[in-house]
Amino acid sequence: MTGCSKVVIPELKSSSDFLINYSSGSGWTGWHYEMKIDSTGLINVHEEKQLPSNSERNETYKLTDSDLEILKVELGGLAQTELRNDYGFGPDKPTDLPVSMLIYRIGARTDSTSIYCPESNELPEKLNIMLERISSIRKKYDGLQ
């Protein structure tokens, strides 16, 4: 007997429904950037730099309601995609570029991936959309610092 089961993703509606953790860093330079976004629209940014001198910053921002709604829709789309452990890693890749990590939680469901110098068509469409949204949020709220 064969069959398949449908994975049901919880609808994003309550204030405790999701958490997105995006981080990027380079061991070569000692740089690390982390941005956490929760379902209330709160953004927490932590950044550490070791070159040219040690520095650290912590910032907090709040998404507008419209930005939060767009993010919820795109996160719901991403949750329909089964992520691989990593994208872009390979024997012929450079070793000095930043590595990014995306972890998200919707209710009890969690998924994550590492991203390093992927080929243009290697990322799933929904993951690419989410990374573009995160970049847009960084630019709008954190000034891509």
C-alpha atoms as a PDB file:
ATOM      1  CA  MET A   1       0.000   0.000   0.000  1.00  0.00           C
ATOM      2  CA  THR A   2       1.386   3.398  -0.934  1.00  0.00           C
ATOM      3  CA  GLY A   3       0.272   6.855  -0.039  1.00  0.00           C
ATOM      4  CA  CYS A   4       1.367  10.280   0.853  1.00  0.00           C
ATOM      5  CA  SER A   5       0.579  12.675   3.620  1.00  0.00           C
ATOM      6  CA  LYS A   6       0.129  16.406   3.372  1.00  0.00           C
ATOM      7  CA  VAL A   7       2.173  18.578   5.721  1.00  0.00           C
ATOM      8  CA  VAL A   8      -0.056  21.192   7.258  1.00  0.00           C
ATOM      9  CA  ILE A   9       1.619  24.508   8.006  1.00  0.00           C
ATOM     10  CA  PRO A  10      -0.077  26.507  10.738  1.00  0.00           C
ATOM     11  CA  GLU A  11      -1.658  29.763   9.582  1.00  0.00           C
ATOM     12  CA  LEU A  12       0.323  32.785  10.753  1.00  0.00           C
ATOM     13  CA  LYS A  13      -2.082  34.696  12.968  1.00  0.00           C
ATOM     14  CA  SER A  14      -1.141  34.981  16.635  1.00  0.00           C
ATOM     15  CA  SER A  15       1.620  37.013  18.235  1.00  0.00           C
ATOM     16  CA  SER A  16       3.616  33.867  19.080  1.00  0.00           C
ATOM     17  CA  ASP A  17       3.446  32.261  15.659  1.00  0.00           C
ATOM     18  CA  PHE A  18       6.905  32.794  14.179  1.00  0.00           C
ATOM     19  CA  LEU A  19      10.521  33.751  14.682  1.00  0.00           C
ATOM     20  CA  ILE A  20      13.047  34.386  11.913  1.00  0.00           C
ATOM     21  CA  ASN A  21      16.756  34.375  12.704  1.00  0.00           C
ATOM     22  CA  TYR A  22      19.065  35.503   9.892  1.00  0.00           C
ATOM     23  CA  SER A  23      22.797  35.684  10.468  1.00  0.00           C
ATOM     24  CA  SER A  24      25.813  36.275   8.308  1.00  0.00           C
ATOM     25  CA  GLY A  25      29.470  36.259   9.197  1.00  0.00           C
ATOM     26  CA  SER A  26      33.038  35.698   8.189  1.00  0.00           C
ATOM     27  CA  GLY A  27      35.579  33.969  10.388  1.00  0.00           C
ATOM     28  CA  TRP A  28      38.352  35.499   8.308  1.00  0.00           C
ATOM     29  CA  THR A  29      37.457  39.047   9.335  1.00  0.00           C
ATOM     30  CA  GLY A  30      35.731  38.392  12.644  1.00  0.00           C
ATOM     31  CA  TRP A  31      32.505  39.985  11.421  1.00  0.00           C
ATOM     32  CA  HIS A  32      29.108  38.685  12.527  1.00  0.00           C
ATOM     33  CA  TYR A  33      25.633  40.119  11.852  1.00  0.00           C
ATOM     34  CA  GLU A  34      22.452  38.690  13.328  1.00  0.00           C
ATOM     35  CA  MET A  35      18.880  39.866  12.810  1.00  0.00           C
ATOM     36  CA  LYS A  36      15.907  38.320  14.619  1.00  0.00           C
ATOM     37  CA  ILE A  37      12.338  39.157  13.630  1.00  0.00           C
ATOM     38  CA  ASP A  38       9.371  37.987  15.672  1.00  0.00           C
ATOM     39  CA  SER A  39       5.695  37.867  14.823  1.00  0.00           C
ATOM     40  CA  THR A  40       5.021  41.165  16.620  1.00  0.00           C
ATOM     41  CA  GLY A  41       7.268  42.869  14.063  1.00  0.00           C
ATOM     42  CA  LEU A  42      10.116  43.468  16.503  1.00  0.00           C
ATOM     43  CA  ILE A  43      13.559  43.380  14.877  1.00  0.00           C
ATOM     44  CA  ASN A  44      16.654  42.844  17.030  1.00  0.00           C
ATOM     45  CA  VAL A  45      20.032  43.403  15.382  1.00  0.00           C
ATOM     46  CA  HIS A  46      23.393  42.428  16.851  1.00  0.00           C
ATOM     47  CA  GLU A  47      26.623  43.096  14.957  1.00  0.00           C
ATOM     48  CA  GLU A  48      30.243  42.469  15.919  1.00  0.00           C
ATOM     49  CA  LYS A  49      33.334  43.592  14.027  1.00  0.00           C
ATOM     50  CA  GLN A  50      36.955  42.806  14.794  1.00  0.00           C
ATOM     51  CA  LEU A  51      38.604  44.691  11.929  1.00  0.00           C
ATOM     52  CA  PRO A  52      39.902  47.383  11.808  1.00  0.00           C
ATOM     53  CA  SER A  53      39.064  47.523  15.533  1.00  0.00           C
ATOM     54  CA  ASN A  54      36.705  45.690  17.862  1.00  0.00           C
ATOM     55  CA  SER A  55      33.188  47.089  17.883  1.00  0.00           C
ATOM     56  CA  GLU A  56      29.741  45.843  18.739  1.00  0.00           C
ATOM     57  CA  ARG A  57      26.246  47.250  18.322  1.00  0.00           C
ATOM     58  CA  ASN A  58      22.715  46.295  19.257  1.00  0.00           C
ATOM     59  CA  GLU A  59      19.680  47.914  17.641  1.00  0.00           C
ATOM     60  CA  THR A  60      15.935  47.383  17.901  1.00  0.00           C
ATOM     61  CA  TYR A  61      13.408  48.340  15.222  1.00  0.00           C
ATOM     62  CA  LYS A  62       9.692  47.755  14.629  1.00  0.00           C
ATOM     63  CA  LEU A  63       8.253  46.639  11.283  1.00  0.00           C
ATOM     64  CA  THR A  64       5.279  48.563   9.960  1.00  0.00           C
ATOM     65  CA  ASP A  65       2.032  46.595   9.821  1.00  0.00           C
ATOM     66  CA  SER A  66       2.221  46.388   6.018  1.00  0.00           C
ATOM     67  CA  ASP A  67       5.827  45.113   6.069  1.00  0.00           C
ATOM     68  CA  LEU A  68       4.857  42.565   8.727  1.00  0.00           C
ATOM     69  CA  GLU A  69       1.934  41.284   6.625  1.00  0.00           C
ATOM     70  CA  ILE A  70       4.151  40.889   3.547  1.00  0.00           C
ATOM     71  CA  LEU A  71       6.737  39.034   5.627  1.00  0.00           C
ATOM     72  CA  LYS A  72       4.062  36.678   6.993  1.00  0.00           C
ATOM     73  CA  VAL A  73       2.868  35.820   3.488  1.00  0.00           C
ATOM     74  CA  GLU A  74       6.407  35.154   2.254  1.00  0.00           C
ATOM     75  CA  LEU A  75       7.286  33.115   5.343  1.00  0.00           C
ATOM     76  CA  GLY A  76       4.143  31.036   4.796  1.00  0.00           C
ATOM     77  CA  GLY A  77       5.348  30.382   1.241  1.00  0.00           C
ATOM     78  CA  LEU A  78       8.826  29.426   2.450  1.00  0.00           C
ATOM     79  CA  ALA A  79       7.321  27.016   4.971  1.00  0.00           C
ATOM     80  CA  GLN A  80       5.899  25.036   2.029  1.00  0.00           C
ATOM     81  CA  THR A  81       9.485  24.360   0.852  1.00  0.00           C
ATOM     82  CA  GLU A  82      11.678  21.663   2.350  1.00  0.00           C
ATOM     83  CA  LEU A  83      15.080  23.317   2.772  1.00  0.00           C
ATOM     84  CA  ARG A  84      18.355  21.469   2.336  1.00  0.00           C
ATOM     85  CA  ASN A  85      21.020  21.787   5.015  1.00  0.00           C
ATOM     86  CA  ASP A  86      23.113  24.026   2.814  1.00  0.00           C
ATOM     87  CA  TYR A  87      23.286  25.785  -0.540  1.00  0.00           C
ATOM     88  CA  GLY A  88      26.337  26.895  -2.492  1.00  0.00           C
ATOM     89  CA  PHE A  89      29.028  24.923  -0.707  1.00  0.00           C
ATOM     90  CA  GLY A  90      31.329  22.954  -2.969  1.00  0.00           C
ATOM     91  CA  PRO A  91      34.918  21.966  -3.688  1.00  0.00           C
ATOM     92  CA  ASP A  92      35.490  24.754  -6.230  1.00  0.00           C
ATOM     93  CA  LYS A  93      34.136  27.616  -4.103  1.00  0.00           C
ATOM     94  CA  PRO A  94      36.244  30.382  -2.563  1.00  0.00           C
ATOM     95  CA  THR A  95      36.697  30.101   1.197  1.00  0.00           C
ATOM     96  CA  ASP A  96      36.787  33.739   2.273  1.00  0.00           C
ATOM     97  CA  LEU A  97      33.199  34.909   1.663  1.00  0.00           C
ATOM     98  CA  PRO A  98      30.596  35.350   4.422  1.00  0.00           C
ATOM     99  CA  VAL A  99      28.340  32.429   5.232  1.00  0.00           C
ATOM    100  CA  SER A 100      24.679  33.164   5.918  1.00  0.00           C
ATOM    101  CA  MET A 101      22.276  31.112   8.005  1.00  0.00           C
ATOM    102  CA  LEU A 102      18.505  31.273   8.027  1.00  0.00           C
ATOM    103  CA  ILE A 103      16.471  29.616  10.783  1.00  0.00           C
ATOM    104  CA  TYR A 104      12.757  30.031  11.152  1.00  0.00           C
ATOM    105  CA  ARG A 105      10.099  28.698  13.473  1.00  0.00           C
ATOM    106  CA  ILE A 106       6.360  28.681  12.830  1.00  0.00           C
ATOM    107  CA  GLY A 107       4.548  27.230  15.827  1.00  0.00           C
ATOM    108  CA  ALA A 108       6.270  23.902  16.470  1.00  0.00           C
ATOM    109  CA  ARG A 109       7.754  23.623  12.942  1.00  0.00           C
ATOM    110  CA  THR A 110      11.379  24.677  12.477  1.00  0.00           C
ATOM    111  CA  ASP A 111      13.626  24.651   9.414  1.00  0.00           C
ATOM    112  CA  SER A 112      17.059  26.065   8.638  1.00  0.00           C
ATOM    113  CA  THR A 113      19.787  26.256   6.041  1.00  0.00           C
ATOM    114  CA  SER A 114      23.292  27.624   5.501  1.00  0.00           C
ATOM    115  CA  ILE A 115      24.042  29.627   2.370  1.00  0.00           C
ATOM    116  CA  TYR A 116      27.453  30.225   0.835  1.00  0.00           C
ATOM    117  CA  CYS A 117      28.033  31.593  -2.663  1.00  0.00           C
ATOM    118  CA  PRO A 118      25.161  29.686  -4.353  1.00  0.00           C
ATOM    119  CA  GLU A 119      24.797  29.320  -8.093  1.00  0.00           C
ATOM    120  CA  SER A 120      22.115  31.606  -9.562  1.00  0.00           C
ATOM    121  CA  ASN A 121      19.538  28.828  -9.932  1.00  0.00           C
ATOM    122  CA  GLU A 122      20.479  26.751  -6.883  1.00  0.00           C
ATOM    123  CA  LEU A 123      18.179  28.385  -4.309  1.00  0.00           C
ATOM    124  CA  PRO A 124      14.517  27.405  -4.232  1.00  0.00           C
ATOM    125  CA  GLU A 125      12.302  30.277  -5.395  1.00  0.00           C
ATOM    126  CA  LYS A 126      10.614  30.756  -1.991  1.00  0.00           C
ATOM    127  CA  LEU A 127      13.991  30.844  -0.199  1.00  0.00           C
ATOM    128  CA  ASN A 128      15.271  33.413  -2.679  1.00  0.00           C
ATOM    129  CA  ILE A 129      12.144  35.528  -2.105  1.00  0.00           C
ATOM    130  CA  MET A 130      12.671  35.370   1.677  1.00  0.00           C
ATOM    131  CA  LEU A 131      16.344  36.348   1.377  1.00  0.00           C
ATOM    132  CA  GLU A 132      15.356  39.295  -0.811  1.00  0.00           C
ATOM    133  CA  ARG A 133      12.743  40.313   1.792  1.00  0.00           C
ATOM    134  CA  ILE A 134      15.346  40.119   4.569  1.00  0.00           C
ATOM    135  CA  SER A 135      17.725  42.238   2.482  1.00  0.00           C
ATOM    136  CA  SER A 136      14.949  44.773   1.908  1.00  0.00           C
ATOM    137  CA  ILE A 137      14.184  44.899   5.644  1.00  0.00           C
ATOM    138  CA  ARG A 138      17.881  45.360   6.453  1.00  0.00           C
ATOM    139  CA  LYS A 139      18.116  48.185   3.967  1.00  0.00           C
ATOM    140  CA  LYS A 140      14.930  49.929   5.099  1.00  0.00           C
ATOM    141  CA  TYR A 141      15.308  49.550   8.871  1.00  0.00           C
ATOM    142  CA  ASP A 142      18.993  48.964   9.574  1.00  0.00           C
ATOM    143  CA  GLY A 143      20.540  50.826   6.633  1.00  0.00           C
ATOM    144  CA  LEU A 144      22.527  47.701   5.549  1.00  0.00           C
ATOM    145  CA  GLN A 145      25.199  48.662   8.054  1.00  0.00           C
END
